[in-house]
């Protein structure tokens, strides 16, 4: 007996990706990774400034509280000692107050550290260019030399001052920070291409309270910033 032969099932020919298709996929992935990197960089830099401003607010509050509780002058300091110092220059902040003798009298111009030092977030720097003693008048901040303290903290600092009643002795002073990069020995940080106007800050009122700046225009930040 002969059985009829069944028709053969045509075999499917498996087709791989062509070189052009693979290159197109790689190009798309590269574009997506670049966009993601830029977005993440912007988010991280923004967080650095936001975190730095929040830290500064608490430091100014601490200085004002120290002045009121001790009935003496207190200052917020920003390190401008040595541009070669990669960690502390334009990033380290201290609170100091005038020393009191055993009778509670002020020892004039003898400054004591109120606590530990603070550092602004990575790639976030204090701006000498835009911070002012009086934001409306554009006057420059004053400096002081800290010498009668632990050697680690000796050096030159910009300062913001409160008297024994917690009143700001330089009302209208602005504290401004920005995101950027600092070249070796450079006195001013450089704004990167993606963070040209990534700045934040606060202003100190006469009563010692502070208000946060909401946008770069309030801080008189130019539309194009190279160094700050």
Protein backbone atom coordinates (compact mmCIF):
# COMPACT_ATOMS: atom_id res chain seq x y z
CA UNK A 1 0.00 0.00 0.00
CA UNK A 2 1.27 3.32 -0.93
CA UNK A 3 0.50 6.33 1.27
CA UNK A 4 0.30 9.73 -0.30
CA UNK A 5 3.27 11.89 0.60
CA UNK A 6 2.52 14.91 2.78
CA UNK A 7 3.47 18.31 1.47
CA UNK A 8 6.69 19.63 2.94
CA UNK A 9 6.34 22.56 5.36
CA UNK A 10 8.39 25.41 4.05
CA UNK A 11 11.22 26.22 6.44
CA UNK A 12 11.36 29.82 7.67
CA UNK A 13 14.58 31.50 7.05
CA UNK A 14 15.71 33.35 10.18
CA UNK A 15 16.87 36.82 9.32
CA UNK A 16 19.30 38.74 11.54
CA UNK A 17 19.71 42.49 11.92
CA UNK A 18 21.57 44.24 9.21
CA UNK A 19 24.60 46.38 9.97
CA UNK A 20 22.62 49.54 9.21
CA UNK A 21 19.88 48.55 11.67
CA UNK A 22 22.43 47.84 14.41
CA UNK A 23 24.12 51.19 13.84
CA UNK A 24 20.76 52.96 14.00
CA UNK A 25 19.93 51.28 17.33
CA UNK A 26 23.35 52.19 18.76
CA UNK A 27 22.89 55.80 17.65
CA UNK A 28 19.47 56.01 19.31
CA UNK A 29 20.82 54.55 22.56
CA UNK A 30 23.71 57.04 22.53
CA UNK A 31 21.33 59.96 22.08
CA UNK A 32 19.10 58.77 24.94
CA UNK A 33 22.10 58.31 27.26
CA UNK A 34 23.36 61.80 26.45
CA UNK A 35 19.98 63.37 27.14
CA UNK A 36 19.70 61.43 30.41
CA UNK A 37 23.20 62.49 31.50
CA UNK A 38 22.42 66.16 30.85
CA UNK A 39 19.15 65.88 32.72
CA UNK A 40 20.70 64.13 35.71
CA UNK A 41 23.53 66.67 35.78
CA UNK A 42 21.04 69.52 35.87
CA UNK A 43 19.04 67.88 38.63
CA UNK A 44 22.14 67.18 40.73
CA UNK A 45 23.53 70.70 40.31
CA UNK A 46 20.18 72.17 41.25
CA UNK A 47 20.08 70.03 44.37
CA UNK A 48 23.58 71.25 45.28
CA UNK A 49 22.53 74.89 45.23
CA UNK A 50 19.22 74.19 46.98
CA UNK A 51 20.98 72.20 49.70
CA UNK A 52 23.67 74.87 50.03
CA UNK A 53 21.13 77.65 50.51
CA UNK A 54 19.27 75.60 53.14
CA UNK A 55 22.57 74.99 54.96
CA UNK A 56 23.41 78.70 54.82
CA UNK A 57 20.01 79.61 56.28
CA UNK A 58 20.65 77.36 59.28
CA UNK A 59 24.17 78.80 59.72
CA UNK A 60 22.85 82.38 59.76
CA UNK A 61 20.20 81.34 62.28
CA UNK A 62 22.91 79.76 64.44
CA UNK A 63 25.03 82.93 64.35
CA UNK A 64 22.08 85.13 65.27
CA UNK A 65 21.14 82.80 68.15
CA UNK A 66 24.74 82.84 69.41
CA UNK A 67 24.79 86.64 69.39
CA UNK A 68 21.51 86.90 71.33
CA UNK A 69 22.26 84.17 73.86
CA UNK A 70 25.74 85.50 74.67
CA UNK A 71 24.86 89.18 74.28
CA UNK A 72 27.87 89.72 72.06
CA UNK A 73 28.73 90.07 68.38
CA UNK A 74 28.64 86.97 66.22
CA UNK A 75 29.67 86.45 62.60
CA UNK A 76 29.10 84.05 59.73
CA UNK A 77 32.42 83.52 57.95
CA UNK A 78 33.19 82.33 54.42
CA UNK A 79 36.72 81.05 53.75
CA UNK A 80 38.73 83.09 51.21
CA UNK A 81 42.14 82.21 52.59
CA UNK A 82 43.95 80.22 49.93
CA UNK A 83 42.87 79.58 46.31
CA UNK A 84 45.18 76.54 46.31
CA UNK A 85 42.98 74.91 48.96
CA UNK A 86 40.72 72.67 46.87
CA UNK A 87 38.40 71.74 49.74
CA UNK A 88 37.81 74.87 51.83
CA UNK A 89 38.28 77.90 49.58
CA UNK A 90 34.86 79.49 48.89
CA UNK A 91 33.18 76.43 50.45
CA UNK A 92 33.95 76.41 54.19
CA UNK A 93 31.69 78.37 56.53
CA UNK A 94 32.14 79.06 60.24
CA UNK A 95 30.22 80.77 63.04
CA UNK A 96 32.26 82.77 65.56
CA UNK A 97 31.42 85.06 68.45
CA UNK A 98 33.43 87.52 70.55
CA UNK A 99 35.04 85.95 73.57
CA UNK A 100 33.69 86.70 77.05
CA UNK A 101 35.87 86.96 80.17
CA UNK A 102 35.07 85.34 83.51
CA UNK A 103 32.85 88.27 84.45
CA UNK A 104 30.87 88.00 81.22
CA UNK A 105 32.43 91.06 79.64
CA UNK A 106 33.28 91.11 75.95
CA UNK A 107 36.94 90.69 75.01
CA UNK A 108 36.85 92.87 71.91
CA UNK A 109 38.03 91.31 68.63
CA UNK A 110 38.86 87.96 70.26
CA UNK A 111 36.78 85.47 68.30
CA UNK A 112 35.75 81.99 69.38
CA UNK A 113 34.39 79.20 67.17
CA UNK A 114 30.76 78.50 67.98
CA UNK A 115 30.81 74.96 66.63
CA UNK A 116 31.98 72.82 63.77
CA UNK A 117 32.78 74.03 60.29
CA UNK A 118 30.35 73.55 57.41
CA UNK A 119 31.11 72.84 53.75
CA UNK A 120 28.92 73.75 50.82
CA UNK A 121 27.99 70.77 48.59
CA UNK A 122 30.44 69.51 45.98
CA UNK A 123 30.80 71.77 42.92
CA UNK A 124 28.92 74.53 44.78
CA UNK A 125 30.84 77.70 45.63
CA UNK A 126 30.33 81.04 47.32
CA UNK A 127 30.29 83.89 44.79
CA UNK A 128 32.59 86.80 45.56
CA UNK A 129 31.40 88.39 42.34
CA UNK A 130 27.70 88.61 43.21
CA UNK A 131 27.56 88.57 47.04
CA UNK A 132 27.41 92.10 48.46
CA UNK A 133 27.55 93.91 51.79
CA UNK A 134 24.52 95.87 50.59
CA UNK A 135 22.78 94.26 47.63
CA UNK A 136 20.99 97.44 46.57
CA UNK A 137 24.11 99.63 46.76
CA UNK A 138 26.48 96.99 45.37
CA UNK A 139 29.10 97.53 48.10
CA UNK A 140 31.67 94.79 48.64
CA UNK A 141 31.75 92.51 51.65
CA UNK A 142 34.27 93.17 54.41
CA UNK A 143 37.01 90.73 55.36
CA UNK A 144 38.56 89.69 58.66
CA UNK A 145 41.55 87.60 59.70
CA UNK A 146 40.93 84.78 62.14
CA UNK A 147 44.14 84.10 64.07
CA UNK A 148 43.53 83.23 67.74
CA UNK A 149 41.94 79.87 66.99
CA UNK A 150 43.00 76.35 66.10
CA UNK A 151 45.52 76.50 63.27
CA UNK A 152 43.13 74.55 61.03
CA UNK A 153 40.76 77.52 60.92
CA UNK A 154 43.21 80.41 60.79
CA UNK A 155 43.00 82.60 57.71
CA UNK A 156 40.99 85.24 55.89
CA UNK A 157 37.21 85.30 55.69
CA UNK A 158 34.34 87.38 54.36
CA UNK A 159 31.91 88.00 57.18
CA UNK A 160 28.28 88.80 57.99
CA UNK A 161 27.73 90.23 61.47
CA UNK A 162 25.01 90.33 64.13
CA UNK A 163 25.16 92.45 67.29
CA UNK A 164 24.22 91.30 70.78
CA UNK A 165 20.54 91.89 70.06
CA UNK A 166 20.58 89.75 66.93
CA UNK A 167 20.41 92.79 64.64
CA UNK A 168 22.35 92.64 61.39
CA UNK A 169 25.12 95.26 61.30
CA UNK A 170 25.10 95.08 57.50
CA UNK A 171 21.37 94.91 56.60
CA UNK A 172 20.70 94.17 52.96
CA UNK A 173 23.75 91.95 52.67
CA UNK A 174 23.45 89.13 50.15
CA UNK A 175 24.89 85.63 50.28
CA UNK A 176 25.01 84.00 46.84
CA UNK A 177 26.29 80.60 45.75
CA UNK A 178 26.47 78.89 42.38
CA UNK A 179 27.31 75.63 40.68
CA UNK A 180 30.51 75.40 38.66
CA UNK A 181 34.06 74.14 38.54
CA UNK A 182 37.20 75.64 40.02
CA UNK A 183 40.46 75.39 38.15
CA UNK A 184 43.70 74.92 40.09
CA UNK A 185 44.67 78.13 41.94
CA UNK A 186 41.75 80.03 40.36
CA UNK A 187 40.30 82.73 42.60
CA UNK A 188 36.86 82.49 41.00
CA UNK A 189 34.87 79.37 40.01
CA UNK A 190 33.91 78.93 36.39
CA UNK A 191 30.29 78.41 35.38
CA UNK A 192 29.91 75.33 33.20
CA UNK A 193 27.95 75.33 29.96
CA UNK A 194 24.94 73.58 31.48
CA UNK A 195 24.88 75.67 34.70
CA UNK A 196 25.41 79.23 33.50
CA UNK A 197 22.68 80.60 35.75
CA UNK A 198 22.48 77.92 38.41
CA UNK A 199 22.60 80.25 41.43
CA UNK A 200 20.81 80.62 44.72
CA UNK A 201 21.15 82.72 47.81
CA UNK A 202 19.60 84.79 50.52
CA UNK A 203 19.46 88.35 51.81
CA UNK A 204 19.91 89.37 55.46
CA UNK A 205 17.43 91.90 56.85
CA UNK A 206 18.05 94.39 59.66
CA UNK A 207 16.22 92.21 62.21
CA UNK A 208 18.67 89.39 61.45
CA UNK A 209 16.17 87.27 59.55
CA UNK A 210 16.86 86.02 56.05
CA UNK A 211 14.87 85.66 52.84
CA UNK A 212 15.73 83.32 49.98
CA UNK A 213 16.15 84.66 46.45
CA UNK A 214 13.66 83.03 44.08
CA UNK A 215 15.32 83.62 40.72
CA UNK A 216 18.65 84.84 39.24
CA UNK A 217 17.20 88.25 38.28
CA UNK A 218 16.66 89.09 41.97
CA UNK A 219 20.37 88.46 42.49
CA UNK A 220 21.45 90.64 39.55
CA UNK A 221 22.93 87.61 37.79
CA UNK A 222 23.77 88.41 34.12
CA UNK A 223 22.25 86.30 31.38
CA UNK A 224 25.71 84.97 30.55
CA UNK A 225 28.07 84.06 33.38
CA UNK A 226 31.61 82.85 32.87
CA UNK A 227 33.21 83.29 36.29
CA UNK A 228 31.58 84.00 39.63
